[in-house]
Amino acid sequence: MPLDPTWPVPYVLDPHNFAADAVVSFCVSVLLAVMINAEAQAFVSSFLGDSRINAKDRFHFNAFLHLDILGSICYLVGGFGWPRTMAIDASKFARPRLDMVITRLAGPIANLLLASIGGSFVFFMKMLSWDARVFLMVIGVNVTTAVYNLLPLPPLALGSLVCELIPPDKVRARSLLLQIGPFLIVALALLERITHQAILSPYFDPMIKAVFAYIRTL
């Protein structure tokens, strides 16, 4: 069996070219990407001061409990997405605004680390001439998730930086951005899918392919 993926990177579900193995691998990879992203935010938040005893919304490692409706839709439409927003009490941080950004950035960084681990599995499976396509999908989905966090809209990581840069007295503006951000991201991904006009992909896909190729060569 081929050692290289038979699907593109980044991978986007295509009902006109349905492949059961690709769809199953994609769904499993999405669950892993969502779980590691959310749990990493929880870990860094606790490390920086927002620790909670028996917080059932944090360290349960149940990917299904971390799924966000709009984030999941975005995965189905655009190949990237985000987990349910992790509740964080920034008042417990020593540097509330900076530590909040660091906490949100922990998610995509964890996705890159998981992709690197997947790269290690691919390396060993190639040595044994085993089919590594599932792990290649894990790499692709996690890299895609990490790179699209550079989109400056919440709840993506760079969007959290934009929110923290809004002056404290502009509470309504920050609240509005947090509310419309997820809908705007899904709308952009859906618009690109429906119209077949490149909107986000020209900026992000080259980075995804480059990082994917680099991890495979590690």
Protein backbone atom coordinates (compact mmCIF):
# COMPACT_ATOMS: atom_id res chain seq x y z
CA MET A 1 0.00 0.00 0.00
CA PRO A 2 1.22 3.55 -0.67
CA LEU A 3 3.02 5.36 2.11
CA ASP A 4 1.95 8.79 0.90
CA PRO A 5 -1.55 10.21 1.42
CA THR A 6 -4.05 9.86 -1.39
CA TRP A 7 -5.79 13.02 -0.24
CA PRO A 8 -4.61 16.64 -0.40
CA VAL A 9 -3.07 18.69 2.40
CA PRO A 10 -4.88 20.58 3.79
CA TYR A 11 -7.69 18.06 3.59
CA VAL A 12 -11.25 19.29 3.05
CA LEU A 13 -14.24 16.94 2.93
CA ASP A 14 -15.57 16.55 -0.61
CA PRO A 15 -18.93 14.76 -1.03
CA HIS A 16 -18.21 14.37 -4.76
CA ASN A 17 -15.03 12.43 -4.03
CA PHE A 18 -16.01 10.39 -0.99
CA ALA A 19 -13.37 8.03 0.41
CA ALA A 20 -14.36 6.22 3.59
CA ASP A 21 -10.80 5.74 4.84
CA ALA A 22 -10.01 9.43 4.37
CA VAL A 23 -13.22 10.56 6.10
CA VAL A 24 -12.67 8.28 9.09
CA SER A 25 -9.03 9.35 9.38
CA PHE A 26 -10.07 12.99 9.12
CA CYS A 27 -12.73 12.68 11.85
CA VAL A 28 -10.32 10.92 14.22
CA SER A 29 -7.67 13.54 13.53
CA VAL A 30 -10.13 16.36 14.20
CA LEU A 31 -11.05 14.84 17.57
CA LEU A 32 -7.37 14.59 18.49
CA ALA A 33 -6.70 18.16 17.32
CA VAL A 34 -9.63 19.56 19.30
CA MET A 35 -8.72 17.65 22.45
CA ILE A 36 -5.02 18.56 22.48
CA ASN A 37 -5.78 22.20 21.70
CA ALA A 38 -8.29 22.57 24.54
CA GLU A 39 -6.33 20.57 27.12
CA ALA A 40 -3.16 22.56 26.36
CA GLN A 41 -5.02 25.79 27.07
CA ALA A 42 -6.30 24.31 30.32
CA PHE A 43 -2.81 23.21 31.37
CA VAL A 44 -1.16 26.57 30.64
CA SER A 45 -4.03 28.45 32.29
CA SER A 46 -3.59 26.39 35.44
CA PHE A 47 0.19 26.78 35.31
CA LEU A 48 -0.12 30.57 35.08
CA GLY A 49 -2.44 30.84 38.06
CA ASP A 50 -5.99 29.95 37.06
CA SER A 51 -5.91 26.55 38.74
CA ARG A 52 -9.18 24.91 39.76
CA ILE A 53 -9.90 21.90 41.91
CA ASN A 54 -11.87 19.14 40.18
CA ALA A 55 -12.60 21.30 37.14
CA LYS A 56 -14.68 18.87 35.05
CA ASP A 57 -14.57 21.17 32.02
CA ARG A 58 -10.79 20.89 31.77
CA PHE A 59 -8.69 17.78 32.25
CA HIS A 60 -11.07 15.04 31.18
CA PHE A 61 -9.39 14.26 27.83
CA ASN A 62 -12.78 13.59 26.26
CA ALA A 63 -12.64 15.13 22.80
CA PHE A 64 -16.41 15.07 22.37
CA LEU A 65 -16.87 17.36 25.38
CA HIS A 66 -14.49 19.87 23.79
CA LEU A 67 -16.37 20.07 20.49
CA ASP A 68 -17.76 23.47 19.55
CA ILE A 69 -20.72 23.63 17.17
CA LEU A 70 -19.37 26.36 14.90
CA GLY A 71 -15.82 25.05 15.23
CA SER A 72 -16.97 21.59 14.12
CA ILE A 73 -18.91 23.06 11.19
CA CYS A 74 -15.78 24.92 10.16
CA TYR A 75 -13.81 21.66 10.15
CA LEU A 76 -16.42 20.13 7.86
CA VAL A 77 -16.52 23.13 5.54
CA GLY A 78 -12.95 24.40 5.57
CA GLY A 79 -10.75 21.68 7.02
CA PHE A 80 -9.89 23.72 10.13
CA GLY A 81 -11.71 24.75 13.28
CA TRP A 82 -11.46 25.19 17.03
CA PRO A 83 -12.59 23.59 20.32
CA ARG A 84 -15.18 24.91 22.72
CA THR A 85 -13.84 28.07 24.32
CA MET A 86 -12.04 27.21 27.53
CA ALA A 87 -13.37 29.25 30.47
CA ILE A 88 -10.45 31.21 31.89
CA ASP A 89 -10.39 33.66 34.79
CA ALA A 90 -7.77 36.20 33.70
CA SER A 91 -7.99 38.00 37.07
CA LYS A 92 -5.97 35.13 38.57
CA PHE A 93 -3.06 35.79 36.22
CA ALA A 94 -0.08 37.89 37.26
CA ARG A 95 -0.20 39.64 33.86
CA PRO A 96 -3.85 39.19 32.82
CA ARG A 97 -3.70 40.37 29.21
CA LEU A 98 -0.35 38.81 28.31
CA ASP A 99 -1.04 35.54 30.12
CA MET A 100 -4.42 35.26 28.39
CA VAL A 101 -2.73 35.49 24.99
CA ILE A 102 -0.10 32.94 26.06
CA THR A 103 -2.85 30.58 27.21
CA ARG A 104 -4.72 30.82 23.90
CA LEU A 105 -1.49 30.35 21.93
CA ALA A 106 -0.85 27.13 23.83
CA GLY A 107 -3.59 25.46 21.77
CA PRO A 108 -2.02 25.74 18.29
CA ILE A 109 1.46 25.12 19.73
CA ALA A 110 0.15 21.83 21.13
CA ASN A 111 -1.28 21.00 17.70
CA LEU A 112 2.17 21.43 16.19
CA LEU A 113 3.68 19.22 18.89
CA LEU A 114 1.11 16.50 18.18
CA ALA A 115 1.86 16.82 14.47
CA SER A 116 5.56 16.31 15.27
CA ILE A 117 4.73 13.19 17.25
CA GLY A 118 2.72 11.98 14.27
CA GLY A 119 5.79 12.62 12.13
CA SER A 120 7.81 10.30 14.36
CA PHE A 121 5.24 7.53 13.88
CA VAL A 122 5.35 8.07 10.12
CA PHE A 123 9.13 7.75 10.17
CA PHE A 124 9.08 4.41 11.98
CA MET A 125 6.18 3.07 9.94
CA LYS A 126 8.03 3.89 6.73
CA MET A 127 11.03 1.94 8.02
CA LEU A 128 8.73 -1.06 8.47
CA SER A 129 6.99 -0.43 5.12
CA TRP A 130 3.64 -0.05 6.87
CA ASP A 131 0.83 2.20 5.71
CA ALA A 132 1.22 5.55 7.51
CA ARG A 133 -1.69 7.40 5.93
CA VAL A 134 -3.66 7.74 9.17
CA PHE A 135 -0.74 9.45 10.88
CA LEU A 136 -0.19 11.64 7.83
CA MET A 137 -3.78 12.79 8.22
CA VAL A 138 -3.14 13.50 11.90
CA ILE A 139 -0.17 15.64 10.90
CA GLY A 140 -2.15 17.44 8.20
CA VAL A 141 -5.19 18.26 10.34
CA ASN A 142 -3.12 19.46 13.31
CA VAL A 143 -0.86 21.60 11.12
CA THR A 144 -3.92 23.05 9.39
CA THR A 145 -5.53 23.83 12.75
CA ALA A 146 -2.35 25.47 14.04
CA VAL A 147 -1.72 27.61 10.95
CA TYR A 148 -5.30 28.85 10.67
CA ASN A 149 -4.98 30.15 14.23
CA LEU A 150 -3.05 32.99 12.59
CA LEU A 151 -6.38 34.30 11.35
CA PRO A 152 -6.92 37.40 13.52
CA LEU A 153 -10.47 36.59 14.57
CA PRO A 154 -11.64 35.06 17.86
CA PRO A 155 -11.85 32.35 19.03
CA LEU A 156 -8.64 31.58 17.09
CA ALA A 157 -5.37 32.30 18.91
CA LEU A 158 -4.35 35.45 17.04
CA GLY A 159 -7.91 36.69 17.46
CA SER A 160 -7.39 36.58 21.22
CA LEU A 161 -4.39 38.88 20.78
CA VAL A 162 -6.54 41.29 18.80
CA CYS A 163 -9.14 41.25 21.57
CA GLU A 164 -6.53 41.94 24.24
CA LEU A 165 -5.20 44.89 22.21
CA ILE A 166 -8.60 46.57 22.30
CA PRO A 167 -8.53 49.31 25.00
CA PRO A 168 -10.18 48.25 28.28
CA ASP A 169 -12.76 51.03 27.95
CA LYS A 170 -14.00 49.54 24.66
CA VAL A 171 -15.87 46.70 26.32
CA ARG A 172 -18.71 46.67 23.78
CA ALA A 173 -16.34 46.49 20.82
CA ARG A 174 -14.47 43.57 22.38
CA SER A 175 -17.70 41.78 23.24
CA LEU A 176 -19.03 42.28 19.70
CA LEU A 177 -15.84 40.88 18.17
CA LEU A 178 -16.01 37.82 20.41
CA GLN A 179 -19.62 37.23 19.38
CA ILE A 180 -19.33 37.68 15.62
CA GLY A 181 -15.82 36.22 15.22
CA PRO A 182 -16.84 32.54 15.00
CA PHE A 183 -19.71 33.28 12.60
CA LEU A 184 -17.46 35.38 10.39
CA ILE A 185 -14.84 32.63 10.18
CA VAL A 186 -17.43 30.01 9.20
CA ALA A 187 -18.94 32.44 6.68
CA LEU A 188 -15.56 33.02 5.04
CA ALA A 189 -14.83 29.29 4.84
CA LEU A 190 -18.31 28.57 3.49
CA LEU A 191 -18.12 31.40 0.96
CA GLU A 192 -14.83 30.08 -0.38
CA ARG A 193 -16.31 26.59 -0.64
CA ILE A 194 -19.49 27.67 -2.41
CA THR A 195 -18.05 30.24 -4.80
CA HIS A 196 -14.75 28.38 -5.41
CA GLN A 197 -13.04 31.75 -5.03
CA ALA A 198 -9.79 31.76 -3.07
CA ILE A 199 -10.33 33.89 0.05
CA LEU A 200 -8.34 32.37 2.92
CA SER A 201 -6.49 29.51 1.23
CA PRO A 202 -3.95 31.61 -0.74
CA TYR A 203 -2.58 32.97 2.54
CA PHE A 204 -2.67 29.83 4.68
CA ASP A 205 -2.34 26.80 2.40
CA PRO A 206 1.29 27.52 1.36
CA MET A 207 2.29 27.70 5.04
CA ILE A 208 0.39 24.49 5.80
CA LYS A 209 2.10 22.62 2.96
CA ALA A 210 5.52 23.94 4.01
CA VAL A 211 5.12 22.97 7.68
CA PHE A 212 3.63 19.59 6.71
CA ALA A 213 6.57 18.86 4.42
CA TYR A 214 9.06 19.96 7.10
CA ILE A 215 7.54 17.71 9.79
CA ARG A 216 7.62 14.73 7.44
CA THR A 217 11.36 15.21 6.95
CA LEU A 218 12.22 15.43 10.65
